[in-house]
Amino acid sequence: MSDATPFQPHPNDPQSFPHAPQGGSGPASGDTPEQVDWTKLKSLAPYPPEAFQFVSEGLGHTVRMIHGHRDEARELAQDDQSRHINGQQLCLGLKNYAVQRYGLMARTVLHRWNIKRTEDFGKIVFAMVDLGLMRKTEEDTIQDFEGVFDFHEAFRSVSDVMRDGESAGAGR
């Protein structure tokens, strides 16, 4: 299986939404976020715009985590395949990004957006692929996102931490 997957910044606008490897704001086609067909996107995957934005920003985070920061002069000469990541890498990068961004509230925030399993990340990604906002290779499937990690284990909530702290104190 190739390590080239759908999760790559658009080569014509590497700082654009929804790819956002450098935290940009416009979609890959050069449109502004307001020009994204949110109705069509939501019909493909039942998540709010914030969920799509999170996955977009998390893609950038993951690409930087795995491939390092973009050196524009060097990047222009490189093959597009060089910044691809696979579904498992993206899920793990999104987990890391959620914890960095939201801390103990990560699970609560993701649940508010209907993201409760790694499969939800895949549905968001493939909806974006269907609208041409992201690209994929022949080998990429939605199954790449199945069961990458358990949300309950990965995102401990504030109440879990408080309960664990109370249990530890009771055992003294």
Protein backbone atom coordinates (compact mmCIF):
# COMPACT_ATOMS: atom_id res chain seq x y z
CA MET A 1 0.00 0.00 0.00
CA SER A 2 1.27 3.43 -0.92
CA ASP A 3 1.82 6.04 1.76
CA ALA A 4 0.38 8.66 -0.61
CA THR A 5 -3.17 9.36 0.50
CA PRO A 6 -5.95 11.90 0.20
CA PHE A 7 -4.67 14.08 2.94
CA GLN A 8 -2.39 16.49 1.22
CA PRO A 9 -2.31 20.25 0.88
CA HIS A 10 -3.54 21.48 -2.46
CA PRO A 11 -0.44 22.24 -4.60
CA ASN A 12 -1.80 25.48 -6.07
CA ASP A 13 -2.66 27.11 -2.76
CA PRO A 14 -0.87 25.41 0.13
CA GLN A 15 -2.11 27.86 2.73
CA SER A 16 -5.78 27.61 1.91
CA PHE A 17 -8.89 26.30 3.59
CA PRO A 18 -9.75 23.49 3.84
CA HIS A 19 -6.21 22.16 3.63
CA ALA A 20 -4.64 24.88 5.79
CA PRO A 21 -1.18 23.38 6.31
CA GLN A 22 0.05 26.83 7.31
CA GLY A 23 -3.22 28.04 8.86
CA GLY A 24 -4.69 29.92 5.89
CA SER A 25 -8.31 30.80 5.35
CA GLY A 26 -9.58 30.29 1.76
CA PRO A 27 -10.53 26.96 0.08
CA ALA A 28 -8.15 25.14 -2.22
CA SER A 29 -9.90 26.39 -5.33
CA GLY A 30 -9.06 29.96 -4.37
CA ASP A 31 -12.59 30.71 -3.15
CA THR A 32 -13.23 32.25 0.22
CA PRO A 33 -14.72 30.11 3.03
CA GLU A 34 -18.07 31.82 2.44
CA GLN A 35 -18.07 30.35 -1.10
CA VAL A 36 -17.75 26.77 0.08
CA ASP A 37 -21.05 25.01 -0.60
CA TRP A 38 -21.78 24.22 3.06
CA THR A 39 -25.22 22.83 2.22
CA LYS A 40 -23.71 20.29 -0.17
CA LEU A 41 -20.86 19.54 2.24
CA LYS A 42 -23.31 18.96 5.10
CA SER A 43 -25.48 16.73 2.89
CA LEU A 44 -22.42 14.52 2.30
CA ALA A 45 -21.48 14.38 5.99
CA PRO A 46 -23.75 15.63 8.83
CA TYR A 47 -21.27 17.83 10.64
CA PRO A 48 -21.19 21.60 11.24
CA PRO A 49 -18.73 23.86 9.40
CA GLU A 50 -16.54 23.98 12.53
CA ALA A 51 -15.90 20.24 12.20
CA PHE A 52 -14.71 20.64 8.62
CA GLN A 53 -12.55 23.60 9.62
CA PHE A 54 -11.06 21.59 12.49
CA VAL A 55 -10.17 18.69 10.17
CA SER A 56 -8.69 21.15 7.69
CA GLU A 57 -6.54 22.82 10.34
CA GLY A 58 -5.69 19.44 11.84
CA LEU A 59 -4.50 18.28 8.43
CA GLY A 60 -2.03 21.15 8.39
CA HIS A 61 -0.93 20.31 11.92
CA THR A 62 -0.43 16.66 10.98
CA VAL A 63 1.48 17.42 7.78
CA ARG A 64 3.83 19.71 9.75
CA MET A 65 4.18 17.07 12.49
CA ILE A 66 5.17 14.37 10.00
CA HIS A 67 6.92 16.29 7.22
CA GLY A 68 8.08 19.43 9.03
CA HIS A 69 7.41 23.04 8.13
CA ARG A 70 7.12 23.92 4.49
CA ASP A 71 10.17 25.45 2.85
CA GLU A 72 8.49 27.22 -0.08
CA ALA A 73 11.54 27.16 -2.40
CA ARG A 74 12.18 23.49 -1.72
CA GLU A 75 8.46 22.58 -1.79
CA LEU A 76 7.85 24.08 -5.21
CA ALA A 77 10.35 21.62 -6.68
CA GLN A 78 9.08 18.55 -4.81
CA ASP A 79 6.60 15.99 -6.03
CA ASP A 80 3.07 16.41 -4.63
CA GLN A 81 3.31 12.92 -3.13
CA SER A 82 5.97 14.03 -0.67
CA ARG A 83 3.50 15.67 1.73
CA HIS A 84 0.81 13.00 1.72
CA ILE A 85 -0.27 11.33 4.92
CA ASN A 86 -2.44 8.26 5.41
CA GLY A 87 -5.77 7.93 7.23
CA GLN A 88 -4.25 6.55 10.40
CA GLN A 89 -1.65 9.32 10.51
CA LEU A 90 -4.36 11.92 10.03
CA CYS A 91 -6.51 10.46 12.82
CA LEU A 92 -3.58 10.45 15.23
CA GLY A 93 -2.61 13.96 14.17
CA LEU A 94 -6.20 15.16 14.69
CA LYS A 95 -6.18 13.61 18.16
CA ASN A 96 -2.96 15.46 18.96
CA TYR A 97 -4.31 18.70 17.51
CA ALA A 98 -7.56 18.42 19.49
CA VAL A 99 -5.72 17.89 22.76
CA GLN A 100 -3.33 20.76 22.00
CA ARG A 101 -6.14 23.08 21.05
CA TYR A 102 -8.88 22.13 23.53
CA GLY A 103 -7.09 20.27 26.32
CA LEU A 104 -9.43 18.36 28.63
CA MET A 105 -12.39 19.76 26.70
CA ALA A 106 -11.36 18.04 23.42
CA ARG A 107 -13.89 15.21 23.68
CA THR A 108 -16.68 17.63 24.61
CA VAL A 109 -15.89 19.93 21.67
CA LEU A 110 -15.67 17.05 19.18
CA HIS A 111 -18.89 15.50 20.48
CA ARG A 112 -20.64 18.84 20.07
CA TRP A 113 -19.70 18.62 16.37
CA ASN A 114 -20.97 14.99 16.14
CA ILE A 115 -17.42 13.62 15.97
CA LYS A 116 -17.45 10.58 18.23
CA ARG A 117 -15.24 8.04 16.43
CA THR A 118 -12.32 8.06 14.03
CA GLU A 119 -14.78 7.02 11.32
CA ASP A 120 -16.30 10.50 11.64
CA PHE A 121 -12.96 12.01 10.62
CA GLY A 122 -13.06 9.78 7.53
CA LYS A 123 -16.59 10.87 6.63
CA ILE A 124 -15.53 14.52 6.85
CA VAL A 125 -12.41 13.92 4.76
CA PHE A 126 -14.23 12.01 2.05
CA ALA A 127 -17.02 14.63 1.88
CA MET A 128 -14.30 17.19 1.26
CA VAL A 129 -12.76 14.90 -1.38
CA ASP A 130 -16.16 14.54 -3.08
CA LEU A 131 -16.42 18.33 -3.38
CA GLY A 132 -12.87 18.66 -4.68
CA LEU A 133 -11.60 20.34 -1.51
CA MET A 134 -9.10 17.54 -0.86
CA ARG A 135 -7.51 14.88 -3.03
CA LYS A 136 -7.15 11.13 -2.69
CA THR A 137 -5.33 8.32 -4.41
CA GLU A 138 -6.78 5.11 -5.85
CA GLU A 139 -5.69 3.18 -2.74
CA ASP A 140 -7.48 5.42 -0.24
CA THR A 141 -10.71 4.24 1.33
CA ILE A 142 -13.03 5.31 4.10
CA GLN A 143 -12.02 2.09 5.88
CA ASP A 144 -8.59 3.63 6.52
CA PHE A 145 -10.29 5.58 9.32
CA GLU A 146 -12.02 2.69 11.08
CA GLY A 147 -11.10 2.11 14.72
CA VAL A 148 -7.81 3.97 14.69
CA PHE A 149 -8.27 4.81 18.38
CA ASP A 150 -10.99 4.80 21.03
CA PHE A 151 -12.35 8.30 21.68
CA HIS A 152 -13.19 7.61 25.32
CA GLU A 153 -9.63 6.49 26.03
CA ALA A 154 -7.96 9.14 23.86
CA PHE A 155 -9.92 12.13 25.14
CA ARG A 156 -10.33 12.07 28.86
CA SER A 157 -12.90 14.63 29.92
CA VAL A 158 -12.69 17.09 32.78
CA SER A 159 -15.14 14.93 34.76
CA ASP A 160 -12.90 11.85 34.23
CA VAL A 161 -9.90 13.74 35.57
CA MET A 162 -11.87 15.12 38.53
CA ARG A 163 -13.26 11.67 39.35
CA ASP A 164 -9.78 10.10 39.09
CA GLY A 165 -8.39 12.81 41.35
CA GLU A 166 -11.10 12.19 43.93
CA SER A 167 -10.47 8.42 43.79
CA ALA A 168 -6.75 8.93 44.31
CA GLY A 169 -7.42 11.19 47.27
CA ALA A 170 -9.83 8.70 48.84
CA GLY A 171 -7.21 5.97 48.82
CA ARG A 172 -4.80 7.88 51.04
